[in-house]
């Protein structure tokens, strides 16, 4: 399974947390700029995109939305609001490929997303 990290902030922290949460599962995590990361999803070179910015949707997902479409993307956390665990799980199970959130939400949303992806 291949993960790419784009967005505007906290790329290293996101990548490290994905690796930690995946444990011994066979994954790869690559940090890219947001255009490269979105193109990797579009071209089938990666399975999931993660990005963070200060709003959770703008710089985190703008290129992913533009290149793979809004229907493949989900904003999971924004200032003052994080989706419920069930809502996050529903987005993953619905086949969304790109996820955006704020930098301070990494420890809250990534365990839910990665746990769901690994269990699929």
C-alpha atoms as a PDB file:
ATOM      1  CA  UNK A   1       0.000   0.000   0.000  1.00  0.00           C
ATOM      2  CA  UNK A   2       1.362   3.403  -0.967  1.00  0.00           C
ATOM      3  CA  UNK A   3       0.677   6.637   0.890  1.00  0.00           C
ATOM      4  CA  UNK A   4       1.682  10.126  -0.223  1.00  0.00           C
ATOM      5  CA  UNK A   5       1.843  13.173   1.998  1.00  0.00           C
ATOM      6  CA  UNK A   6       1.217  16.575   0.421  1.00  0.00           C
ATOM      7  CA  UNK A   7      -0.442  19.673   1.792  1.00  0.00           C
ATOM      8  CA  UNK A   8       1.309  22.679   3.257  1.00  0.00           C
ATOM      9  CA  UNK A   9       2.410  21.847   6.820  1.00  0.00           C
ATOM     10  CA  UNK A  10       3.481  19.017   9.142  1.00  0.00           C
ATOM     11  CA  UNK A  11       4.489  16.654   6.327  1.00  0.00           C
ATOM     12  CA  UNK A  12       7.220  14.915   8.344  1.00  0.00           C
ATOM     13  CA  UNK A  13       4.933  14.503  11.362  1.00  0.00           C
ATOM     14  CA  UNK A  14       2.182  13.008   9.201  1.00  0.00           C
ATOM     15  CA  UNK A  15       4.577  10.595   7.483  1.00  0.00           C
ATOM     16  CA  UNK A  16       6.085   9.463  10.782  1.00  0.00           C
ATOM     17  CA  UNK A  17       2.659   8.914  12.353  1.00  0.00           C
ATOM     18  CA  UNK A  18       1.476   6.863   9.356  1.00  0.00           C
ATOM     19  CA  UNK A  19       4.585   4.664   9.628  1.00  0.00           C
ATOM     20  CA  UNK A  20       4.086   4.255  13.376  1.00  0.00           C
ATOM     21  CA  UNK A  21       0.392   3.392  13.033  1.00  0.00           C
ATOM     22  CA  UNK A  22       0.989   0.918  10.204  1.00  0.00           C
ATOM     23  CA  UNK A  23       3.447  -0.996  12.369  1.00  0.00           C
ATOM     24  CA  UNK A  24       4.697  -4.057  10.537  1.00  0.00           C
ATOM     25  CA  UNK A  25       2.292  -3.703   7.607  1.00  0.00           C
ATOM     26  CA  UNK A  26       3.911  -3.454   4.172  1.00  0.00           C
ATOM     27  CA  UNK A  27       3.472   0.205   3.272  1.00  0.00           C
ATOM     28  CA  UNK A  28       5.435   3.031   1.742  1.00  0.00           C
ATOM     29  CA  UNK A  29       5.080   6.676   2.679  1.00  0.00           C
ATOM     30  CA  UNK A  30       6.455   9.388   0.404  1.00  0.00           C
ATOM     31  CA  UNK A  31       6.492  13.108   1.106  1.00  0.00           C
ATOM     32  CA  UNK A  32       5.837  15.208  -1.997  1.00  0.00           C
ATOM     33  CA  UNK A  33       4.612  18.654  -2.883  1.00  0.00           C
ATOM     34  CA  UNK A  34       0.843  18.747  -3.174  1.00  0.00           C
ATOM     35  CA  UNK A  35       0.759  18.698  -6.984  1.00  0.00           C
ATOM     36  CA  UNK A  36       3.066  15.661  -7.193  1.00  0.00           C
ATOM     37  CA  UNK A  37       1.126  13.854  -4.477  1.00  0.00           C
ATOM     38  CA  UNK A  38      -2.236  14.479  -6.155  1.00  0.00           C
ATOM     39  CA  UNK A  39      -0.810  13.371  -9.509  1.00  0.00           C
ATOM     40  CA  UNK A  40       0.461  10.156  -7.893  1.00  0.00           C
ATOM     41  CA  UNK A  41      -3.117   9.378  -6.832  1.00  0.00           C
ATOM     42  CA  UNK A  42      -4.529  10.345 -10.218  1.00  0.00           C
ATOM     43  CA  UNK A  43      -2.014   8.166 -12.072  1.00  0.00           C
ATOM     44  CA  UNK A  44      -2.491   5.167  -9.782  1.00  0.00           C
ATOM     45  CA  UNK A  45       1.037   5.411  -8.377  1.00  0.00           C
ATOM     46  CA  UNK A  46      -0.259   5.825  -4.803  1.00  0.00           C
ATOM     47  CA  UNK A  47      -3.322   4.639  -2.930  1.00  0.00           C
ATOM     48  CA  UNK A  48      -3.980   7.438  -0.431  1.00  0.00           C
ATOM     49  CA  UNK A  49      -3.127  11.139  -0.051  1.00  0.00           C
ATOM     50  CA  UNK A  50      -2.847  12.965   3.258  1.00  0.00           C
ATOM     51  CA  UNK A  51      -2.388  16.693   3.651  1.00  0.00           C
ATOM     52  CA  UNK A  52      -2.539  19.286   6.377  1.00  0.00           C
ATOM     53  CA  UNK A  53      -2.901  23.037   6.384  1.00  0.00           C
ATOM     54  CA  UNK A  54      -4.216  25.636   8.800  1.00  0.00           C
ATOM     55  CA  UNK A  55      -7.814  25.263   7.570  1.00  0.00           C
ATOM     56  CA  UNK A  56      -7.924  21.535   6.840  1.00  0.00           C
ATOM     57  CA  UNK A  57      -9.219  21.926   3.304  1.00  0.00           C
ATOM     58  CA  UNK A  58      -7.514  24.753   1.421  1.00  0.00           C
ATOM     59  CA  UNK A  59      -3.802  24.075   1.146  1.00  0.00           C
ATOM     60  CA  UNK A  60      -4.307  20.524   2.380  1.00  0.00           C
ATOM     61  CA  UNK A  61      -6.589  19.433  -0.460  1.00  0.00           C
ATOM     62  CA  UNK A  62      -6.761  22.120  -3.164  1.00  0.00           C
ATOM     63  CA  UNK A  63      -4.593  20.278  -5.682  1.00  0.00           C
ATOM     64  CA  UNK A  64      -6.146  16.913  -4.882  1.00  0.00           C
ATOM     65  CA  UNK A  65      -9.616  18.355  -5.460  1.00  0.00           C
ATOM     66  CA  UNK A  66      -8.480  19.946  -8.721  1.00  0.00           C
ATOM     67  CA  UNK A  67      -6.756  16.815 -10.053  1.00  0.00           C
ATOM     68  CA  UNK A  68      -8.821  13.882  -8.789  1.00  0.00           C
ATOM     69  CA  UNK A  69     -12.140  15.548  -8.004  1.00  0.00           C
ATOM     70  CA  UNK A  70     -14.071  16.573  -4.925  1.00  0.00           C
ATOM     71  CA  UNK A  71     -15.807  13.191  -4.807  1.00  0.00           C
ATOM     72  CA  UNK A  72     -12.454  11.533  -4.004  1.00  0.00           C
ATOM     73  CA  UNK A  73     -11.525  13.988  -1.216  1.00  0.00           C
ATOM     74  CA  UNK A  74     -12.647  14.624   2.357  1.00  0.00           C
ATOM     75  CA  UNK A  75     -11.845  17.351   4.854  1.00  0.00           C
ATOM     76  CA  UNK A  76     -11.748  15.540   8.185  1.00  0.00           C
ATOM     77  CA  UNK A  77     -10.757  18.358  10.494  1.00  0.00           C
ATOM     78  CA  UNK A  78     -10.872  22.116  10.416  1.00  0.00           C
ATOM     79  CA  UNK A  79     -10.346  24.699  13.150  1.00  0.00           C
ATOM     80  CA  UNK A  80     -12.911  24.007  15.852  1.00  0.00           C
ATOM     81  CA  UNK A  81     -14.443  20.938  14.178  1.00  0.00           C
ATOM     82  CA  UNK A  82     -13.279  17.384  13.641  1.00  0.00           C
ATOM     83  CA  UNK A  83     -15.569  14.813  12.056  1.00  0.00           C
ATOM     84  CA  UNK A  84     -16.741  12.006  14.313  1.00  0.00           C
ATOM     85  CA  UNK A  85     -14.978   8.655  14.172  1.00  0.00           C
ATOM     86  CA  UNK A  86     -17.972   7.184  12.329  1.00  0.00           C
ATOM     87  CA  UNK A  87     -17.928   9.989   9.746  1.00  0.00           C
ATOM     88  CA  UNK A  88     -14.197   9.514   9.131  1.00  0.00           C
ATOM     89  CA  UNK A  89     -14.637   5.749   8.782  1.00  0.00           C
ATOM     90  CA  UNK A  90     -17.539   6.301   6.368  1.00  0.00           C
ATOM     91  CA  UNK A  91     -15.358   8.474   4.107  1.00  0.00           C
ATOM     92  CA  UNK A  92     -12.661   5.784   3.976  1.00  0.00           C
ATOM     93  CA  UNK A  93     -15.179   3.012   3.320  1.00  0.00           C
ATOM     94  CA  UNK A  94     -16.835   5.149   0.616  1.00  0.00           C
ATOM     95  CA  UNK A  95     -13.570   4.984  -1.315  1.00  0.00           C
ATOM     96  CA  UNK A  96     -12.211   8.478  -0.739  1.00  0.00           C
ATOM     97  CA  UNK A  97      -8.523   8.697  -1.588  1.00  0.00           C
ATOM     98  CA  UNK A  98      -7.433  12.127  -0.299  1.00  0.00           C
ATOM     99  CA  UNK A  99      -7.835  13.404   3.240  1.00  0.00           C
ATOM    100  CA  UNK A 100      -7.208  16.872   4.635  1.00  0.00           C
ATOM    101  CA  UNK A 101      -7.044  18.103   8.204  1.00  0.00           C
ATOM    102  CA  UNK A 102      -5.296  20.689  10.333  1.00  0.00           C
ATOM    103  CA  UNK A 103      -1.841  20.075  11.755  1.00  0.00           C
ATOM    104  CA  UNK A 104      -3.152  19.881  15.297  1.00  0.00           C
ATOM    105  CA  UNK A 105      -5.565  17.080  14.324  1.00  0.00           C
ATOM    106  CA  UNK A 106      -2.881  14.585  13.255  1.00  0.00           C
ATOM    107  CA  UNK A 107      -3.038  12.532  16.474  1.00  0.00           C
ATOM    108  CA  UNK A 108      -6.828  12.406  16.361  1.00  0.00           C
ATOM    109  CA  UNK A 109      -7.663  11.637  12.722  1.00  0.00           C
ATOM    110  CA  UNK A 110      -4.724   9.525  11.533  1.00  0.00           C
ATOM    111  CA  UNK A 111      -5.285   6.603  13.936  1.00  0.00           C
ATOM    112  CA  UNK A 112      -8.880   6.334  12.714  1.00  0.00           C
ATOM    113  CA  UNK A 113      -8.008   6.624   9.019  1.00  0.00           C
ATOM    114  CA  UNK A 114      -5.015   4.289   9.065  1.00  0.00           C
ATOM    115  CA  UNK A 115      -6.809   1.748  11.269  1.00  0.00           C
ATOM    116  CA  UNK A 116      -9.745   1.708   8.864  1.00  0.00           C
ATOM    117  CA  UNK A 117      -7.573   1.460   5.748  1.00  0.00           C
ATOM    118  CA  UNK A 118      -5.537  -1.398   7.194  1.00  0.00           C
ATOM    119  CA  UNK A 119      -8.692  -3.289   8.173  1.00  0.00           C
ATOM    120  CA  UNK A 120     -10.225  -3.075   4.667  1.00  0.00           C
END
